[in-house]
Amino acid sequence: MKKNFETKFTGWSFIAAALMLWGGWALSSHHVGEYFVAEDFTAIGENVWYWIWMYRIHIFGWVTMAIAMFALVAVISKRPFRVLILPGAGMVVVGTFTLAIANAYYYNYGAWGVGQTAGKTVAEIQEFINSILYTNQYVTCFIRFGRIFSGVGLVLLGAGLVKWKIVSIWLGWFTILFGLAAMGIILLIADNFEIYKPMFHVKVIWLAVMGVFLLRKGVNLSE
């Protein structure tokens, strides 16, 4: 088992990503749904700067997750591992940044909308919401495909972890099953934002577990 500064940095990156993703979400004063509604801007406006900072922490959690994946690749992307590890981690990173961009939309429009709707009538607020509906609808595709891209990557990454026993077999299978679930829920179930939500929390658990394992055990590169 390889356990050194590289695996420690990677492990702490996974844990930091989990803490920022979940902490920013859990501590937020208001959660926006799949589409903006008038009540969102009222709730955000009650403590807009606090809401902004929690969302910033959450979004930087996605960035830190990408850093963790790049660090993992740097540690284990050697022959023969890299044929599965590189495309797997690459797809996870693509999905991660797709989700980060989608979340940046909600962050930007949420904060901007507070000013745009301040002092407006109900009809004017609804007109504003209608004006951003097209963009909002487009961003929902980013959410779905970001999860699908990540799911594909997790399946490939998990397959590499299992095949070469780079980490414990159960953690490799957890990665594969999580990836399959992330893809399957979105591809097989009609658009339902509420059903998608639990996958975010599972991803945070996966990040935390990966981080703790890397810190305690390191990686197996015996091949």
C-alpha atoms as a PDB file:
ATOM      1  CA  MET A   1       0.000   0.000   0.000  1.00  0.00           C
ATOM      2  CA  LYS A   2       1.280   3.433  -0.958  1.00  0.00           C
ATOM      3  CA  LYS A   3       0.679   5.983   1.798  1.00  0.00           C
ATOM      4  CA  ASN A   4       2.543   9.261   1.591  1.00  0.00           C
ATOM      5  CA  PHE A   5       2.092  13.002   1.063  1.00  0.00           C
ATOM      6  CA  GLU A   6       0.388  12.371  -2.292  1.00  0.00           C
ATOM      7  CA  THR A   7      -2.311  10.129  -0.832  1.00  0.00           C
ATOM      8  CA  LYS A   8      -2.763  12.433   2.159  1.00  0.00           C
ATOM      9  CA  PHE A   9      -3.256  15.479  -0.055  1.00  0.00           C
ATOM     10  CA  THR A  10      -5.723  13.538  -2.198  1.00  0.00           C
ATOM     11  CA  GLY A  11      -7.601  12.268   0.850  1.00  0.00           C
ATOM     12  CA  TRP A  12      -7.905  15.723   2.388  1.00  0.00           C
ATOM     13  CA  SER A  13      -9.068  17.104  -0.974  1.00  0.00           C
ATOM     14  CA  PHE A  14     -11.907  14.573  -1.051  1.00  0.00           C
ATOM     15  CA  ILE A  15     -12.887  15.434   2.519  1.00  0.00           C
ATOM     16  CA  ALA A  16     -12.684  19.186   1.877  1.00  0.00           C
ATOM     17  CA  ALA A  17     -14.921  18.786  -1.168  1.00  0.00           C
ATOM     18  CA  ALA A  18     -17.476  16.830   0.877  1.00  0.00           C
ATOM     19  CA  LEU A  19     -17.467  19.420   3.669  1.00  0.00           C
ATOM     20  CA  MET A  20     -17.850  22.397   1.341  1.00  0.00           C
ATOM     21  CA  LEU A  21     -20.505  20.788  -0.848  1.00  0.00           C
ATOM     22  CA  TRP A  22     -22.672  19.627   2.029  1.00  0.00           C
ATOM     23  CA  GLY A  23     -21.833  22.451   4.433  1.00  0.00           C
ATOM     24  CA  GLY A  24     -22.706  25.159   1.899  1.00  0.00           C
ATOM     25  CA  TRP A  25     -25.982  23.363   1.161  1.00  0.00           C
ATOM     26  CA  ALA A  26     -26.918  22.549   4.767  1.00  0.00           C
ATOM     27  CA  LEU A  27     -26.137  26.017   6.129  1.00  0.00           C
ATOM     28  CA  SER A  28     -27.863  27.902   3.316  1.00  0.00           C
ATOM     29  CA  SER A  29     -30.770  30.063   4.416  1.00  0.00           C
ATOM     30  CA  HIS A  30     -32.843  29.057   1.375  1.00  0.00           C
ATOM     31  CA  HIS A  31     -32.805  26.266  -1.206  1.00  0.00           C
ATOM     32  CA  VAL A  32     -33.944  27.082  -4.731  1.00  0.00           C
ATOM     33  CA  GLY A  33     -35.930  24.390  -6.527  1.00  0.00           C
ATOM     34  CA  GLU A  34     -35.583  23.279 -10.123  1.00  0.00           C
ATOM     35  CA  TYR A  35     -37.219  26.516 -11.291  1.00  0.00           C
ATOM     36  CA  PHE A  36     -37.234  29.948  -9.683  1.00  0.00           C
ATOM     37  CA  VAL A  37     -40.503  31.104  -8.128  1.00  0.00           C
ATOM     38  CA  ALA A  38     -41.421  34.487  -6.686  1.00  0.00           C
ATOM     39  CA  GLU A  39     -40.970  33.288  -3.105  1.00  0.00           C
ATOM     40  CA  ASP A  40     -37.319  32.455  -3.763  1.00  0.00           C
ATOM     41  CA  PHE A  41     -36.277  36.083  -4.153  1.00  0.00           C
ATOM     42  CA  THR A  42     -38.148  37.136  -1.026  1.00  0.00           C
ATOM     43  CA  ALA A  43     -36.479  34.404   1.033  1.00  0.00           C
ATOM     44  CA  ILE A  44     -33.008  35.074  -0.394  1.00  0.00           C
ATOM     45  CA  GLY A  45     -33.425  38.807   0.154  1.00  0.00           C
ATOM     46  CA  GLU A  46     -33.945  38.330   3.889  1.00  0.00           C
ATOM     47  CA  ASN A  47     -30.211  37.656   4.281  1.00  0.00           C
ATOM     48  CA  VAL A  48     -28.779  37.943   0.800  1.00  0.00           C
ATOM     49  CA  TRP A  49     -25.076  38.165   1.663  1.00  0.00           C
ATOM     50  CA  TYR A  50     -25.191  35.140   3.940  1.00  0.00           C
ATOM     51  CA  TRP A  51     -26.990  33.205   1.184  1.00  0.00           C
ATOM     52  CA  ILE A  52     -24.360  34.317  -1.355  1.00  0.00           C
ATOM     53  CA  TRP A  53     -21.460  33.134   0.803  1.00  0.00           C
ATOM     54  CA  MET A  54     -23.039  29.749   1.493  1.00  0.00           C
ATOM     55  CA  TYR A  55     -23.579  29.272  -2.233  1.00  0.00           C
ATOM     56  CA  ARG A  56     -19.982  30.285  -2.922  1.00  0.00           C
ATOM     57  CA  ILE A  57     -18.782  27.638  -0.483  1.00  0.00           C
ATOM     58  CA  HIS A  58     -21.054  25.072  -2.133  1.00  0.00           C
ATOM     59  CA  ILE A  59     -19.845  25.896  -5.644  1.00  0.00           C
ATOM     60  CA  PHE A  60     -16.204  25.825  -4.576  1.00  0.00           C
ATOM     61  CA  GLY A  61     -16.944  22.351  -3.235  1.00  0.00           C
ATOM     62  CA  TRP A  62     -17.493  21.243  -6.837  1.00  0.00           C
ATOM     63  CA  VAL A  63     -14.181  22.843  -7.794  1.00  0.00           C
ATOM     64  CA  THR A  64     -12.428  21.071  -4.926  1.00  0.00           C
ATOM     65  CA  MET A  65     -13.975  17.783  -6.017  1.00  0.00           C
ATOM     66  CA  ALA A  66     -12.356  18.260  -9.423  1.00  0.00           C
ATOM     67  CA  ILE A  67      -9.039  18.973  -7.685  1.00  0.00           C
ATOM     68  CA  ALA A  68      -9.441  15.733  -5.716  1.00  0.00           C
ATOM     69  CA  MET A  69     -10.079  13.772  -8.910  1.00  0.00           C
ATOM     70  CA  PHE A  70      -7.022  15.269 -10.613  1.00  0.00           C
ATOM     71  CA  ALA A  71      -4.938  14.430  -7.535  1.00  0.00           C
ATOM     72  CA  LEU A  72      -6.240  10.857  -7.556  1.00  0.00           C
ATOM     73  CA  VAL A  73      -5.299  10.523 -11.214  1.00  0.00           C
ATOM     74  CA  ALA A  74      -1.805  11.822 -10.450  1.00  0.00           C
ATOM     75  CA  VAL A  75      -1.387   9.088  -7.835  1.00  0.00           C
ATOM     76  CA  ILE A  76      -2.821   6.039  -9.622  1.00  0.00           C
ATOM     77  CA  SER A  77      -2.806   6.727 -13.376  1.00  0.00           C
ATOM     78  CA  LYS A  78       0.102   4.427 -14.167  1.00  0.00           C
ATOM     79  CA  ARG A  79       0.142   1.392 -16.427  1.00  0.00           C
ATOM     80  CA  PRO A  80      -1.984  -0.711 -16.492  1.00  0.00           C
ATOM     81  CA  PHE A  81      -4.390   1.263 -14.285  1.00  0.00           C
ATOM     82  CA  ARG A  82      -4.706   4.328 -16.468  1.00  0.00           C
ATOM     83  CA  VAL A  83      -6.768   2.706 -19.236  1.00  0.00           C
ATOM     84  CA  LEU A  84      -9.809   2.864 -16.900  1.00  0.00           C
ATOM     85  CA  ILE A  85      -8.694   5.468 -14.362  1.00  0.00           C
ATOM     86  CA  LEU A  86      -8.010   8.306 -16.825  1.00  0.00           C
ATOM     87  CA  PRO A  87     -11.306   8.189 -18.788  1.00  0.00           C
ATOM     88  CA  GLY A  88     -13.243   7.492 -15.596  1.00  0.00           C
ATOM     89  CA  ALA A  89     -11.811  10.403 -13.643  1.00  0.00           C
ATOM     90  CA  GLY A  90     -11.998  12.600 -16.755  1.00  0.00           C
ATOM     91  CA  MET A  91     -15.732  12.007 -17.131  1.00  0.00           C
ATOM     92  CA  VAL A  92     -16.277  12.673 -13.429  1.00  0.00           C
ATOM     93  CA  VAL A  93     -14.464  16.009 -13.804  1.00  0.00           C
ATOM     94  CA  VAL A  94     -16.558  16.894 -16.885  1.00  0.00           C
ATOM     95  CA  GLY A  95     -19.732  16.126 -14.939  1.00  0.00           C
ATOM     96  CA  THR A  96     -18.472  18.026 -11.901  1.00  0.00           C
ATOM     97  CA  PHE A  97     -17.818  21.216 -13.835  1.00  0.00           C
ATOM     98  CA  THR A  98     -21.150  20.866 -15.645  1.00  0.00           C
ATOM     99  CA  LEU A  99     -22.854  20.776 -12.247  1.00  0.00           C
ATOM    100  CA  ALA A 100     -20.713  23.679 -11.034  1.00  0.00           C
ATOM    101  CA  ILE A 101     -21.836  25.790 -14.015  1.00  0.00           C
ATOM    102  CA  ALA A 102     -25.469  24.889 -13.350  1.00  0.00           C
ATOM    103  CA  ASN A 103     -25.150  25.850  -9.693  1.00  0.00           C
ATOM    104  CA  ALA A 104     -23.452  29.099 -10.683  1.00  0.00           C
ATOM    105  CA  TYR A 105     -26.609  29.954 -12.631  1.00  0.00           C
ATOM    106  CA  TYR A 106     -28.827  29.544  -9.565  1.00  0.00           C
ATOM    107  CA  TYR A 107     -26.325  31.486  -7.485  1.00  0.00           C
ATOM    108  CA  ASN A 108     -26.100  34.385  -9.932  1.00  0.00           C
ATOM    109  CA  TYR A 109     -29.773  34.643 -10.802  1.00  0.00           C
ATOM    110  CA  GLY A 110     -30.802  34.188  -7.182  1.00  0.00           C
ATOM    111  CA  ALA A 111     -28.708  37.120  -5.982  1.00  0.00           C
ATOM    112  CA  TRP A 112     -29.418  39.246  -9.075  1.00  0.00           C
ATOM    113  CA  GLY A 113     -33.137  38.545  -8.881  1.00  0.00           C
ATOM    114  CA  VAL A 114     -33.367  40.032  -5.391  1.00  0.00           C
ATOM    115  CA  GLY A 115     -32.501  43.441  -6.800  1.00  0.00           C
ATOM    116  CA  GLN A 116     -34.574  42.967  -9.932  1.00  0.00           C
ATOM    117  CA  THR A 117     -37.744  42.122  -7.989  1.00  0.00           C
ATOM    118  CA  ALA A 118     -37.356  44.585  -5.102  1.00  0.00           C
ATOM    119  CA  GLY A 119     -40.381  46.856  -4.859  1.00  0.00           C
ATOM    120  CA  LYS A 120     -42.091  45.242  -7.871  1.00  0.00           C
ATOM    121  CA  THR A 121     -45.724  44.237  -8.069  1.00  0.00           C
ATOM    122  CA  VAL A 122     -46.775  40.593  -8.234  1.00  0.00           C
ATOM    123  CA  ALA A 123     -47.382  40.924 -11.975  1.00  0.00           C
ATOM    124  CA  GLU A 124     -43.963  42.521 -12.546  1.00  0.00           C
ATOM    125  CA  ILE A 125     -42.236  39.806 -10.543  1.00  0.00           C
ATOM    126  CA  GLN A 126     -44.007  37.123 -12.561  1.00  0.00           C
ATOM    127  CA  GLU A 127     -42.952  38.851 -15.767  1.00  0.00           C
ATOM    128  CA  PHE A 128     -39.335  38.744 -14.570  1.00  0.00           C
ATOM    129  CA  ILE A 129     -39.610  35.034 -13.716  1.00  0.00           C
ATOM    130  CA  ASN A 130     -41.084  34.350 -17.159  1.00  0.00           C
ATOM    131  CA  SER A 131     -38.182  36.209 -18.766  1.00  0.00           C
ATOM    132  CA  ILE A 132     -35.623  33.849 -17.201  1.00  0.00           C
ATOM    133  CA  LEU A 133     -37.671  30.677 -17.732  1.00  0.00           C
ATOM    134  CA  TYR A 134     -35.956  29.776 -21.009  1.00  0.00           C
ATOM    135  CA  THR A 135     -32.493  29.966 -19.461  1.00  0.00           C
ATOM    136  CA  ASN A 136     -33.707  28.160 -16.338  1.00  0.00           C
ATOM    137  CA  GLN A 137     -35.069  25.326 -18.483  1.00  0.00           C
ATOM    138  CA  TYR A 138     -31.742  25.026 -20.299  1.00  0.00           C
ATOM    139  CA  VAL A 139     -29.840  24.841 -17.017  1.00  0.00           C
ATOM    140  CA  THR A 140     -31.965  21.912 -15.828  1.00  0.00           C
ATOM    141  CA  CYS A 141     -30.308  19.961 -18.667  1.00  0.00           C
ATOM    142  CA  PHE A 142     -26.920  20.842 -17.183  1.00  0.00           C
ATOM    143  CA  ILE A 143     -28.068  19.350 -13.885  1.00  0.00           C
ATOM    144  CA  ARG A 144     -29.257  16.110 -15.466  1.00  0.00           C
ATOM    145  CA  PHE A 145     -26.343  15.613 -17.838  1.00  0.00           C
ATOM    146  CA  GLY A 146     -23.789  16.636 -15.234  1.00  0.00           C
ATOM    147  CA  ARG A 147     -25.023  13.742 -13.131  1.00  0.00           C
ATOM    148  CA  ILE A 148     -25.074  11.364 -16.080  1.00  0.00           C
ATOM    149  CA  PHE A 149     -21.526  12.318 -17.106  1.00  0.00           C
ATOM    150  CA  SER A 150     -20.369  11.856 -13.522  1.00  0.00           C
ATOM    151  CA  GLY A 151     -22.165   8.521 -13.345  1.00  0.00           C
ATOM    152  CA  VAL A 152     -20.401   7.209 -16.451  1.00  0.00           C
ATOM    153  CA  GLY A 153     -17.080   8.302 -15.017  1.00  0.00           C
ATOM    154  CA  LEU A 154     -17.747   6.691 -11.639  1.00  0.00           C
ATOM    155  CA  VAL A 155     -18.562   3.364 -13.288  1.00  0.00           C
ATOM    156  CA  LEU A 156     -15.264   3.389 -15.205  1.00  0.00           C
ATOM    157  CA  LEU A 157     -13.305   4.623 -12.200  1.00  0.00           C
ATOM    158  CA  GLY A 158     -14.912   2.040  -9.944  1.00  0.00           C
ATOM    159  CA  ALA A 159     -14.156  -0.711 -12.455  1.00  0.00           C
ATOM    160  CA  GLY A 160     -10.484   0.244 -12.333  1.00  0.00           C
ATOM    161  CA  LEU A 161     -10.494   0.336  -8.536  1.00  0.00           C
ATOM    162  CA  VAL A 162     -12.050  -3.133  -8.397  1.00  0.00           C
ATOM    163  CA  LYS A 163     -10.021  -4.770 -11.163  1.00  0.00           C
ATOM    164  CA  TRP A 164      -6.663  -3.842  -9.699  1.00  0.00           C
ATOM    165  CA  LYS A 165      -7.754  -3.699  -6.035  1.00  0.00           C
ATOM    166  CA  ILE A 166      -6.406  -0.163  -5.734  1.00  0.00           C
ATOM    167  CA  VAL A 167      -8.690   0.406  -2.745  1.00  0.00           C
ATOM    168  CA  SER A 168     -10.856  -2.030  -0.785  1.00  0.00           C
ATOM    169  CA  ILE A 169     -13.172  -4.035  -3.028  1.00  0.00           C
ATOM    170  CA  TRP A 170     -16.296  -2.754  -1.251  1.00  0.00           C
ATOM    171  CA  LEU A 171     -15.306   0.862  -1.944  1.00  0.00           C
ATOM    172  CA  GLY A 172     -14.710   0.076  -5.598  1.00  0.00           C
ATOM    173  CA  TRP A 173     -18.141  -1.554  -5.873  1.00  0.00           C
ATOM    174  CA  PHE A 174     -19.713   1.360  -4.003  1.00  0.00           C
ATOM    175  CA  THR A 175     -18.252   3.634  -6.694  1.00  0.00           C
ATOM    176  CA  ILE A 176     -19.624   1.469  -9.520  1.00  0.00           C
ATOM    177  CA  LEU A 177     -23.111   1.114  -8.007  1.00  0.00           C
ATOM    178  CA  PHE A 178     -23.321   4.812  -7.247  1.00  0.00           C
ATOM    179  CA  GLY A 179     -22.402   5.621 -10.838  1.00  0.00           C
ATOM    180  CA  LEU A 180     -25.030   3.218 -12.195  1.00  0.00           C
ATOM    181  CA  ALA A 181     -27.663   4.660  -9.870  1.00  0.00           C
ATOM    182  CA  ALA A 182     -26.824   8.246 -10.875  1.00  0.00           C
ATOM    183  CA  MET A 183     -27.290   7.373 -14.553  1.00  0.00           C
ATOM    184  CA  GLY A 184     -30.251   5.047 -14.111  1.00  0.00           C
ATOM    185  CA  ILE A 185     -32.415   7.380 -12.039  1.00  0.00           C
ATOM    186  CA  ILE A 186     -32.154  10.164 -14.605  1.00  0.00           C
ATOM    187  CA  LEU A 187     -32.365   7.999 -17.732  1.00  0.00           C
ATOM    188  CA  LEU A 188     -35.159   5.679 -16.592  1.00  0.00           C
ATOM    189  CA  ILE A 189     -37.336   7.971 -14.466  1.00  0.00           C
ATOM    190  CA  ALA A 190     -39.235  10.907 -15.919  1.00  0.00           C
ATOM    191  CA  ASP A 191     -37.919  14.370 -15.024  1.00  0.00           C
ATOM    192  CA  ASN A 192     -38.389  14.593 -11.248  1.00  0.00           C
ATOM    193  CA  PHE A 193     -36.155  16.982  -9.348  1.00  0.00           C
ATOM    194  CA  GLU A 194     -37.135  15.590  -5.934  1.00  0.00           C
ATOM    195  CA  ILE A 195     -36.008  12.070  -6.856  1.00  0.00           C
ATOM    196  CA  TYR A 196     -32.646  13.390  -8.046  1.00  0.00           C
ATOM    197  CA  LYS A 197     -31.903  15.192  -4.767  1.00  0.00           C
ATOM    198  CA  PRO A 198     -30.767  12.179  -2.678  1.00  0.00           C
ATOM    199  CA  MET A 199     -27.984  11.449  -5.170  1.00  0.00           C
ATOM    200  CA  PHE A 200     -26.250  14.655  -4.077  1.00  0.00           C
ATOM    201  CA  HIS A 201     -26.072  13.412  -0.487  1.00  0.00           C
ATOM    202  CA  VAL A 202     -24.814   9.996  -1.626  1.00  0.00           C
ATOM    203  CA  LYS A 203     -22.070  11.763  -3.588  1.00  0.00           C
ATOM    204  CA  VAL A 204     -21.015  13.664  -0.460  1.00  0.00           C
ATOM    205  CA  ILE A 205     -20.864  10.373   1.463  1.00  0.00           C
ATOM    206  CA  TRP A 206     -18.769   8.818  -1.317  1.00  0.00           C
ATOM    207  CA  LEU A 207     -16.350  11.756  -1.257  1.00  0.00           C
ATOM    208  CA  ALA A 208     -15.993  11.559   2.519  1.00  0.00           C
ATOM    209  CA  VAL A 209     -15.488   7.784   2.506  1.00  0.00           C
ATOM    210  CA  MET A 210     -12.885   8.016  -0.266  1.00  0.00           C
ATOM    211  CA  GLY A 211     -11.066  10.723   1.654  1.00  0.00           C
ATOM    212  CA  VAL A 212     -10.995   8.814   4.941  1.00  0.00           C
ATOM    213  CA  PHE A 213      -9.873   5.618   3.222  1.00  0.00           C
ATOM    214  CA  LEU A 214      -7.014   7.351   1.395  1.00  0.00           C
ATOM    215  CA  LEU A 215      -5.857   8.999   4.610  1.00  0.00           C
ATOM    216  CA  ARG A 216      -5.951   5.774   6.631  1.00  0.00           C
ATOM    217  CA  LYS A 217      -4.945   3.133   4.085  1.00  0.00           C
ATOM    218  CA  GLY A 218      -3.483   4.850   1.027  1.00  0.00           C
ATOM    219  CA  VAL A 219      -3.668   3.024  -2.316  1.00  0.00           C
ATOM    220  CA  ASN A 220      -2.535  -0.357  -3.564  1.00  0.00           C
ATOM    221  CA  LEU A 221      -0.254  -0.106  -6.603  1.00  0.00           C
ATOM    222  CA  SER A 222       1.222  -3.603  -6.365  1.00  0.00           C
ATOM    223  CA  GLU A 223       0.556  -4.337 -10.064  1.00  0.00           C
END
